[in-house]
Structures are given as C-alpha cells and as structure tokens.
Amino acid sequence: MKKSIIILAGVFLSNLVYAQKFQATLTFKNGKVVNGYADELVKVNKKNLLDYKESKDGQKQQVSLDDLSKIEYKEGDKIAIAEPIPVAELKNEKKWLYKIYTGKLNVYTFSNVDIQNSFRNGNLYSNETEYSIYVFQYKNEPGNIVTSIMDAGPLTINTFQKKANVKTLLKYFKDKCPQVSEAYEKGEIKFKKNPFTFVEYFEKNCN
C-alpha cells in the first residue's frame, strides 16, 4: 500500500498546474520574513524555485524552497500553512506539504485539489477533499504516510479501502497509544472519509 501511495502522490503533484498567485508570507531559514504574492507549491519548477512578487503588479522573482522554512498562503482571514517535513517512507527526504491539523499529532496532506481546499481546512480539516494522502508527524519524528482516501461520493469508501486504511492507522498508533485499537474494536471510533476520528481520539485520550 505504501508504494502505491507514494506513486499516486507523485502523479497528482506533478500534473497540477494553476495560474493564480496567492497572497503569501514567506519565512526564510535565516529568520527573514517577506510578504507578497506567490504561486502555490504545485507550480514550483524542477529547480525547486517558487515564483514570487512583492505586489500583484510587481516584478516576478524566484525564491528557492531550500531557503524557506514556511509559507503562509492567505485568502481573507483564511490561512493555509505549508512546511517541509521529512517523510519516513521517502527515506526521510523532506517534502513540502500542507498542514491541516496542529496538535500533539500534526497532520499534513498531499492532495489533488487546489490550495482552496487548504483554506477550507482552516488549519483543521475538511471532508471535501476528493483524493488525499495524509501524513502524521508525532513530536519531532519524521512524518509517516498513514492513509490514502479516495472520495468522489458516499459510495467510494469501499470495504477494501476501509480495511486497508484502518489497518495502517491501527499499526501507526500501536506503540504510541494502544488504547486506540481497543477503542476501535469496541466501536468507540468509526472509520469515516478521513482519519480524523482516530486523530481526535488520540488528542483527547493519549499523551
């Protein structure tokens, strides 16, 4: 399952192209912070360069993602946060992902929907994602690709997909919080169209 997840992530992320630049705050590794307008992550070129403007009508500049520690995209009062984190299944290579939940367990996502989905998440989560790969990061550990959800309607979470994702979720929480498995077996946790019933239980009941 992990191999197929990684392949799918690469396919989706490489095929998306958008023209709009979003209001953004770029935080550099050296502490410098700049405000302006930037492309979303999917438009970063093969040289790892992000197009950026100081104003809507400003001259285009290019910033290397290697020099950045965080990007905050803004739309009104909504913020979508993007950060690089090491991913265990990718040999701890750092990948830029959208953070959609902040807690004891941080949750990031690969997604085949545009940045608008991250705005809807509001740094929490949404049921509107059509296809998402979720990455969990506990404390300072590398992130783990935990679930792969396909959702084009109420009938698309089939038995096979449910079993595969539940198995991966329970395996992830086995050492961090054994009572997650017990709660699932007792029916206290139900698998839905995203992994957040498990995340919420972990946040409330585990250290």
C-alpha atoms as a PDB file:
ATOM      1  CA  MET A   1       0.000   0.000   0.000  1.00  0.00           C
ATOM      2  CA  LYS A   2       2.802   2.419   0.889  1.00  0.00           C
ATOM      3  CA  LYS A   3       4.433   2.053  -2.538  1.00  0.00           C
ATOM      4  CA  SER A   4       1.185   2.761  -4.369  1.00  0.00           C
ATOM      5  CA  ILE A   5       0.524   5.776  -2.144  1.00  0.00           C
ATOM      6  CA  ILE A   6       3.904   7.288  -2.984  1.00  0.00           C
ATOM      7  CA  ILE A   7       3.415   6.712  -6.721  1.00  0.00           C
ATOM      8  CA  LEU A   8      -0.033   8.285  -6.641  1.00  0.00           C
ATOM      9  CA  ALA A   9       1.273  11.280  -4.725  1.00  0.00           C
ATOM     10  CA  GLY A  10       3.925  11.863  -7.348  1.00  0.00           C
ATOM     11  CA  VAL A  11       1.441  11.587 -10.194  1.00  0.00           C
ATOM     12  CA  PHE A  12      -1.056  14.004  -8.688  1.00  0.00           C
ATOM     13  CA  LEU A  13       1.502  16.556  -7.599  1.00  0.00           C
ATOM     14  CA  SER A  14       3.275  16.563 -10.962  1.00  0.00           C
ATOM     15  CA  ASN A  15       0.122  17.010 -13.033  1.00  0.00           C
ATOM     16  CA  LEU A  16      -1.415  20.045 -11.370  1.00  0.00           C
ATOM     17  CA  VAL A  17      -0.968  23.486 -12.935  1.00  0.00           C
ATOM     18  CA  TYR A  18      -2.554  26.707 -11.707  1.00  0.00           C
ATOM     19  CA  ALA A  19      -2.037  30.282 -12.837  1.00  0.00           C
ATOM     20  CA  GLN A  20      -3.212  32.248  -9.821  1.00  0.00           C
ATOM     21  CA  LYS A  21      -0.790  33.724  -7.319  1.00  0.00           C
ATOM     22  CA  PHE A  22      -1.914  33.926  -3.705  1.00  0.00           C
ATOM     23  CA  GLN A  23      -1.153  36.467  -1.025  1.00  0.00           C
ATOM     24  CA  ALA A  24       1.629  34.873   0.945  1.00  0.00           C
ATOM     25  CA  THR A  25       4.114  35.308   3.764  1.00  0.00           C
ATOM     26  CA  LEU A  26       7.446  33.626   3.180  1.00  0.00           C
ATOM     27  CA  THR A  27       9.611  32.753   6.183  1.00  0.00           C
ATOM     28  CA  PHE A  28      13.287  32.115   5.428  1.00  0.00           C
ATOM     29  CA  LYS A  29      15.555  29.788   7.365  1.00  0.00           C
ATOM     30  CA  ASN A  30      17.655  32.782   8.412  1.00  0.00           C
ATOM     31  CA  GLY A  31      14.628  34.374  10.083  1.00  0.00           C
ATOM     32  CA  LYS A  32      13.815  36.860   7.336  1.00  0.00           C
ATOM     33  CA  VAL A  33      10.087  37.296   6.627  1.00  0.00           C
ATOM     34  CA  VAL A  34       8.637  38.827   3.457  1.00  0.00           C
ATOM     35  CA  ASN A  35       5.063  39.471   2.354  1.00  0.00           C
ATOM     36  CA  GLY A  36       3.804  39.410  -1.196  1.00  0.00           C
ATOM     37  CA  TYR A  37       2.205  37.051  -3.701  1.00  0.00           C
ATOM     38  CA  ALA A  38       3.402  33.550  -4.531  1.00  0.00           C
ATOM     39  CA  ASP A  39       2.468  30.518  -6.571  1.00  0.00           C
ATOM     40  CA  GLU A  40       1.231  27.500  -4.698  1.00  0.00           C
ATOM     41  CA  LEU A  41       3.588  24.576  -4.169  1.00  0.00           C
ATOM     42  CA  VAL A  42       2.449  22.609  -7.180  1.00  0.00           C
ATOM     43  CA  LYS A  43       3.920  25.244  -9.515  1.00  0.00           C
ATOM     44  CA  VAL A  44       7.431  25.026  -8.119  1.00  0.00           C
ATOM     45  CA  ASN A  45       9.730  24.217 -11.032  1.00  0.00           C
ATOM     46  CA  LYS A  46      12.226  21.379 -11.381  1.00  0.00           C
ATOM     47  CA  LYS A  47      14.945  23.570  -9.878  1.00  0.00           C
ATOM     48  CA  ASN A  48      12.860  23.937  -6.709  1.00  0.00           C
ATOM     49  CA  LEU A  49      12.182  27.625  -7.414  1.00  0.00           C
ATOM     50  CA  LEU A  50       8.956  29.359  -6.393  1.00  0.00           C
ATOM     51  CA  ASP A  51       7.667  32.389  -8.321  1.00  0.00           C
ATOM     52  CA  TYR A  52       7.062  35.362  -6.044  1.00  0.00           C
ATOM     53  CA  LYS A  53       6.073  39.045  -6.367  1.00  0.00           C
ATOM     54  CA  GLU A  54       6.250  41.789  -3.753  1.00  0.00           C
ATOM     55  CA  SER A  55       2.928  43.149  -5.077  1.00  0.00           C
ATOM     56  CA  LYS A  56       0.291  41.994  -7.556  1.00  0.00           C
ATOM     57  CA  ASP A  57       1.821  44.153 -10.285  1.00  0.00           C
ATOM     58  CA  GLY A  58       5.400  43.696  -9.109  1.00  0.00           C
ATOM     59  CA  GLN A  59       8.234  42.092 -10.996  1.00  0.00           C
ATOM     60  CA  LYS A  60       8.424  38.324 -10.756  1.00  0.00           C
ATOM     61  CA  GLN A  61      11.198  36.944  -8.591  1.00  0.00           C
ATOM     62  CA  GLN A  62      12.186  33.378  -7.848  1.00  0.00           C
ATOM     63  CA  VAL A  63      12.836  32.031  -4.371  1.00  0.00           C
ATOM     64  CA  SER A  64      14.390  28.652  -3.656  1.00  0.00           C
ATOM     65  CA  LEU A  65      12.332  26.423  -1.397  1.00  0.00           C
ATOM     66  CA  ASP A  66      15.651  25.286   0.054  1.00  0.00           C
ATOM     67  CA  ASP A  67      15.958  28.732   1.649  1.00  0.00           C
ATOM     68  CA  LEU A  68      12.472  28.722   3.207  1.00  0.00           C
ATOM     69  CA  SER A  69      11.143  27.209   6.412  1.00  0.00           C
ATOM     70  CA  LYS A  70       7.439  28.035   5.962  1.00  0.00           C
ATOM     71  CA  ILE A  71       4.906  29.586   3.599  1.00  0.00           C
ATOM     72  CA  GLU A  72       1.588  31.017   4.775  1.00  0.00           C
ATOM     73  CA  TYR A  73      -0.909  31.484   1.975  1.00  0.00           C
ATOM     74  CA  LYS A  74      -3.742  33.879   2.756  1.00  0.00           C
ATOM     75  CA  GLU A  75      -7.250  34.447   1.448  1.00  0.00           C
ATOM     76  CA  GLY A  76      -9.169  36.951   3.530  1.00  0.00           C
ATOM     77  CA  ASP A  77      -8.968  35.678   7.106  1.00  0.00           C
ATOM     78  CA  LYS A  78      -8.102  32.143   5.983  1.00  0.00           C
ATOM     79  CA  ILE A  79      -4.559  30.782   6.100  1.00  0.00           C
ATOM     80  CA  ALA A  80      -3.049  27.666   4.515  1.00  0.00           C
ATOM     81  CA  ILE A  81       0.297  26.675   6.004  1.00  0.00           C
ATOM     82  CA  ALA A  82       2.946  24.812   4.008  1.00  0.00           C
ATOM     83  CA  GLU A  83       6.077  23.376   5.608  1.00  0.00           C
ATOM     84  CA  PRO A  84       8.859  20.926   4.678  1.00  0.00           C
ATOM     85  CA  ILE A  85       8.944  17.789   6.795  1.00  0.00           C
ATOM     86  CA  PRO A  86      10.944  14.550   6.494  1.00  0.00           C
ATOM     87  CA  VAL A  87       8.792  11.626   5.361  1.00  0.00           C
ATOM     88  CA  ALA A  88       9.871   8.195   6.578  1.00  0.00           C
ATOM     89  CA  GLU A  89       8.505   6.315   3.562  1.00  0.00           C
ATOM     90  CA  LEU A  90      10.592   8.561   1.299  1.00  0.00           C
ATOM     91  CA  LYS A  91      13.828   7.737   3.156  1.00  0.00           C
ATOM     92  CA  ASN A  92      13.322  10.814   5.355  1.00  0.00           C
ATOM     93  CA  GLU A  93      13.544  13.116   2.360  1.00  0.00           C
ATOM     94  CA  LYS A  94      11.930  16.449   3.165  1.00  0.00           C
ATOM     95  CA  LYS A  95       8.720  17.215   1.299  1.00  0.00           C
ATOM     96  CA  TRP A  96       6.679  20.418   1.290  1.00  0.00           C
ATOM     97  CA  LEU A  97       3.175  19.580   2.499  1.00  0.00           C
ATOM     98  CA  TYR A  98       0.098  21.496   3.615  1.00  0.00           C
ATOM     99  CA  LYS A  99      -0.503  21.336   7.367  1.00  0.00           C
ATOM    100  CA  ILE A 100      -4.195  20.768   8.056  1.00  0.00           C
ATOM    101  CA  TYR A 101      -4.160  19.961  11.756  1.00  0.00           C
ATOM    102  CA  THR A 102      -1.958  21.152  14.611  1.00  0.00           C
ATOM    103  CA  GLY A 103      -1.864  19.304  17.915  1.00  0.00           C
ATOM    104  CA  LYS A 104       0.126  16.664  19.738  1.00  0.00           C
ATOM    105  CA  LEU A 105      -0.067  14.946  16.383  1.00  0.00           C
ATOM    106  CA  ASN A 106       0.383  17.216  13.365  1.00  0.00           C
ATOM    107  CA  VAL A 107      -1.377  16.190  10.167  1.00  0.00           C
ATOM    108  CA  TYR A 108      -0.212  17.121   6.680  1.00  0.00           C
ATOM    109  CA  THR A 109      -1.600  16.260   3.281  1.00  0.00           C
ATOM    110  CA  PHE A 110      -0.764  15.552  -0.309  1.00  0.00           C
ATOM    111  CA  SER A 111      -3.897  16.400  -2.258  1.00  0.00           C
ATOM    112  CA  ASN A 112      -5.053  16.532  -5.860  1.00  0.00           C
ATOM    113  CA  VAL A 113      -7.271  19.505  -5.153  1.00  0.00           C
ATOM    114  CA  ASP A 114      -6.078  23.085  -5.328  1.00  0.00           C
ATOM    115  CA  ILE A 115      -4.974  25.278  -2.475  1.00  0.00           C
ATOM    116  CA  GLN A 116      -8.582  26.290  -1.874  1.00  0.00           C
ATOM    117  CA  ASN A 117      -9.038  23.011  -0.003  1.00  0.00           C
ATOM    118  CA  SER A 118      -6.332  24.016   2.450  1.00  0.00           C
ATOM    119  CA  PHE A 119      -8.109  27.330   3.004  1.00  0.00           C
ATOM    120  CA  ARG A 120     -11.336  25.458   3.751  1.00  0.00           C
ATOM    121  CA  ASN A 121      -9.458  23.287   6.203  1.00  0.00           C
ATOM    122  CA  GLY A 122      -8.678  26.402   8.230  1.00  0.00           C
ATOM    123  CA  ASN A 123      -5.770  24.511   9.835  1.00  0.00           C
ATOM    124  CA  LEU A 124      -8.252  21.859  10.935  1.00  0.00           C
ATOM    125  CA  TYR A 125      -9.731  19.517   8.357  1.00  0.00           C
ATOM    126  CA  SER A 126     -12.419  19.139   5.726  1.00  0.00           C
ATOM    127  CA  ASN A 127     -14.478  16.361   4.172  1.00  0.00           C
ATOM    128  CA  GLU A 128     -14.287  17.996   0.764  1.00  0.00           C
ATOM    129  CA  THR A 129     -11.029  16.503  -0.477  1.00  0.00           C
ATOM    130  CA  GLU A 130     -11.556  14.166  -3.438  1.00  0.00           C
ATOM    131  CA  TYR A 131      -8.244  12.378  -3.065  1.00  0.00           C
ATOM    132  CA  SER A 132      -5.870  12.888  -0.173  1.00  0.00           C
ATOM    133  CA  ILE A 133      -2.794  11.248   1.236  1.00  0.00           C
ATOM    134  CA  TYR A 134      -2.411  12.027   4.931  1.00  0.00           C
ATOM    135  CA  VAL A 135       0.940  12.299   6.695  1.00  0.00           C
ATOM    136  CA  PHE A 136       1.118  12.154  10.504  1.00  0.00           C
ATOM    137  CA  GLN A 137       4.011  13.695  12.412  1.00  0.00           C
ATOM    138  CA  TYR A 138       4.348  12.993  16.119  1.00  0.00           C
ATOM    139  CA  LYS A 139       6.633  15.372  18.016  1.00  0.00           C
ATOM    140  CA  ASN A 140       9.928  15.672  16.133  1.00  0.00           C
ATOM    141  CA  GLU A 141       9.736  12.295  14.440  1.00  0.00           C
ATOM    142  CA  PRO A 142       9.729  12.036  10.640  1.00  0.00           C
ATOM    143  CA  GLY A 143       6.247  12.060   9.176  1.00  0.00           C
ATOM    144  CA  ASN A 144       4.534   8.817   8.192  1.00  0.00           C
ATOM    145  CA  ILE A 145       2.209   8.316   5.242  1.00  0.00           C
ATOM    146  CA  VAL A 146      -0.740   6.846   7.105  1.00  0.00           C
ATOM    147  CA  THR A 147      -3.854   6.846   4.954  1.00  0.00           C
ATOM    148  CA  SER A 148      -4.902   7.242   1.352  1.00  0.00           C
ATOM    149  CA  ILE A 149      -8.513   8.324   0.864  1.00  0.00           C
ATOM    150  CA  MET A 150     -10.440   8.397  -2.411  1.00  0.00           C
ATOM    151  CA  ASP A 151     -13.724  10.254  -2.071  1.00  0.00           C
ATOM    152  CA  ALA A 152     -15.869  11.134  -5.048  1.00  0.00           C
ATOM    153  CA  GLY A 153     -19.144  10.469  -3.247  1.00  0.00           C
ATOM    154  CA  PRO A 154     -20.784   8.461  -0.455  1.00  0.00           C
ATOM    155  CA  LEU A 155     -20.188   5.069  -2.110  1.00  0.00           C
ATOM    156  CA  THR A 156     -16.476   5.378  -2.865  1.00  0.00           C
ATOM    157  CA  ILE A 157     -15.125   4.374   0.551  1.00  0.00           C
ATOM    158  CA  ASN A 158     -15.403   0.672  -0.206  1.00  0.00           C
ATOM    159  CA  THR A 159     -14.716  -2.261   2.085  1.00  0.00           C
ATOM    160  CA  PHE A 160     -11.213  -2.844   0.734  1.00  0.00           C
ATOM    161  CA  GLN A 161     -10.197   0.781   1.122  1.00  0.00           C
ATOM    162  CA  LYS A 162     -11.660   0.914   4.617  1.00  0.00           C
ATOM    163  CA  LYS A 163      -9.832  -2.227   5.773  1.00  0.00           C
ATOM    164  CA  ALA A 164      -6.523  -1.097   4.284  1.00  0.00           C
ATOM    165  CA  ASN A 165      -6.668   2.330   5.887  1.00  0.00           C
ATOM    166  CA  VAL A 166      -7.859   1.081   9.265  1.00  0.00           C
ATOM    167  CA  LYS A 167      -5.048  -1.488   9.299  1.00  0.00           C
ATOM    168  CA  THR A 168      -2.463   1.235   8.628  1.00  0.00           C
ATOM    169  CA  LEU A 169      -3.960   3.573  11.227  1.00  0.00           C
ATOM    170  CA  LEU A 170      -4.013   0.934  13.956  1.00  0.00           C
ATOM    171  CA  LYS A 171      -0.438  -0.046  13.127  1.00  0.00           C
ATOM    172  CA  TYR A 172       0.640   3.601  13.428  1.00  0.00           C
ATOM    173  CA  PHE A 173      -0.978   4.045  16.844  1.00  0.00           C
ATOM    174  CA  LYS A 174       0.015   0.604  18.191  1.00  0.00           C
ATOM    175  CA  ASP A 175       3.066   1.825  20.134  1.00  0.00           C
ATOM    176  CA  LYS A 176       2.039   5.460  20.604  1.00  0.00           C
ATOM    177  CA  CYS A 177      -1.370   4.716  22.106  1.00  0.00           C
ATOM    178  CA  PRO A 178      -2.555   1.056  22.326  1.00  0.00           C
ATOM    179  CA  GLN A 179      -6.000   2.113  23.517  1.00  0.00           C
ATOM    180  CA  VAL A 180      -6.765   3.433  20.015  1.00  0.00           C
ATOM    181  CA  SER A 181      -7.041  -0.159  18.799  1.00  0.00           C
ATOM    182  CA  GLU A 182      -9.178  -1.105  21.797  1.00  0.00           C
ATOM    183  CA  ALA A 183     -11.484   1.842  21.170  1.00  0.00           C
ATOM    184  CA  TYR A 184     -11.884   0.867  17.519  1.00  0.00           C
ATOM    185  CA  GLU A 185     -12.698  -2.741  18.398  1.00  0.00           C
ATOM    186  CA  LYS A 186     -15.328  -1.533  20.904  1.00  0.00           C
ATOM    187  CA  GLY A 187     -16.898   0.725  18.281  1.00  0.00           C
ATOM    188  CA  GLU A 188     -15.894   3.931  20.056  1.00  0.00           C
ATOM    189  CA  ILE A 189     -14.051   5.023  16.909  1.00  0.00           C
ATOM    190  CA  LYS A 190     -15.696   4.762  13.486  1.00  0.00           C
ATOM    191  CA  PHE A 191     -13.753   4.997  10.231  1.00  0.00           C
ATOM    192  CA  LYS A 192     -15.080   7.819   8.075  1.00  0.00           C
ATOM    193  CA  LYS A 193     -13.891   9.572   4.911  1.00  0.00           C
ATOM    194  CA  ASN A 194     -10.758  10.846   6.615  1.00  0.00           C
ATOM    195  CA  PRO A 195      -8.608   9.694   9.553  1.00  0.00           C
ATOM    196  CA  PHE A 196      -9.706  12.369  11.994  1.00  0.00           C
ATOM    197  CA  THR A 197     -11.895  10.236  14.228  1.00  0.00           C
ATOM    198  CA  PHE A 198      -8.644   8.463  15.127  1.00  0.00           C
ATOM    199  CA  VAL A 199      -6.745  11.746  15.474  1.00  0.00           C
ATOM    200  CA  GLU A 200      -9.431  13.233  17.734  1.00  0.00           C
ATOM    201  CA  TYR A 201      -9.394  10.159  19.982  1.00  0.00           C
ATOM    202  CA  PHE A 202      -5.604  10.331  20.206  1.00  0.00           C
ATOM    203  CA  GLU A 203      -5.681  14.037  21.086  1.00  0.00           C
ATOM    204  CA  LYS A 204      -8.227  13.522  23.868  1.00  0.00           C
ATOM    205  CA  ASN A 205      -7.044  10.249  25.372  1.00  0.00           C
ATOM    206  CA  CYS A 206      -3.326   9.789  24.718  1.00  0.00           C
ATOM    207  CA  ASN A 207      -0.151  11.548  25.817  1.00  0.00           C
END
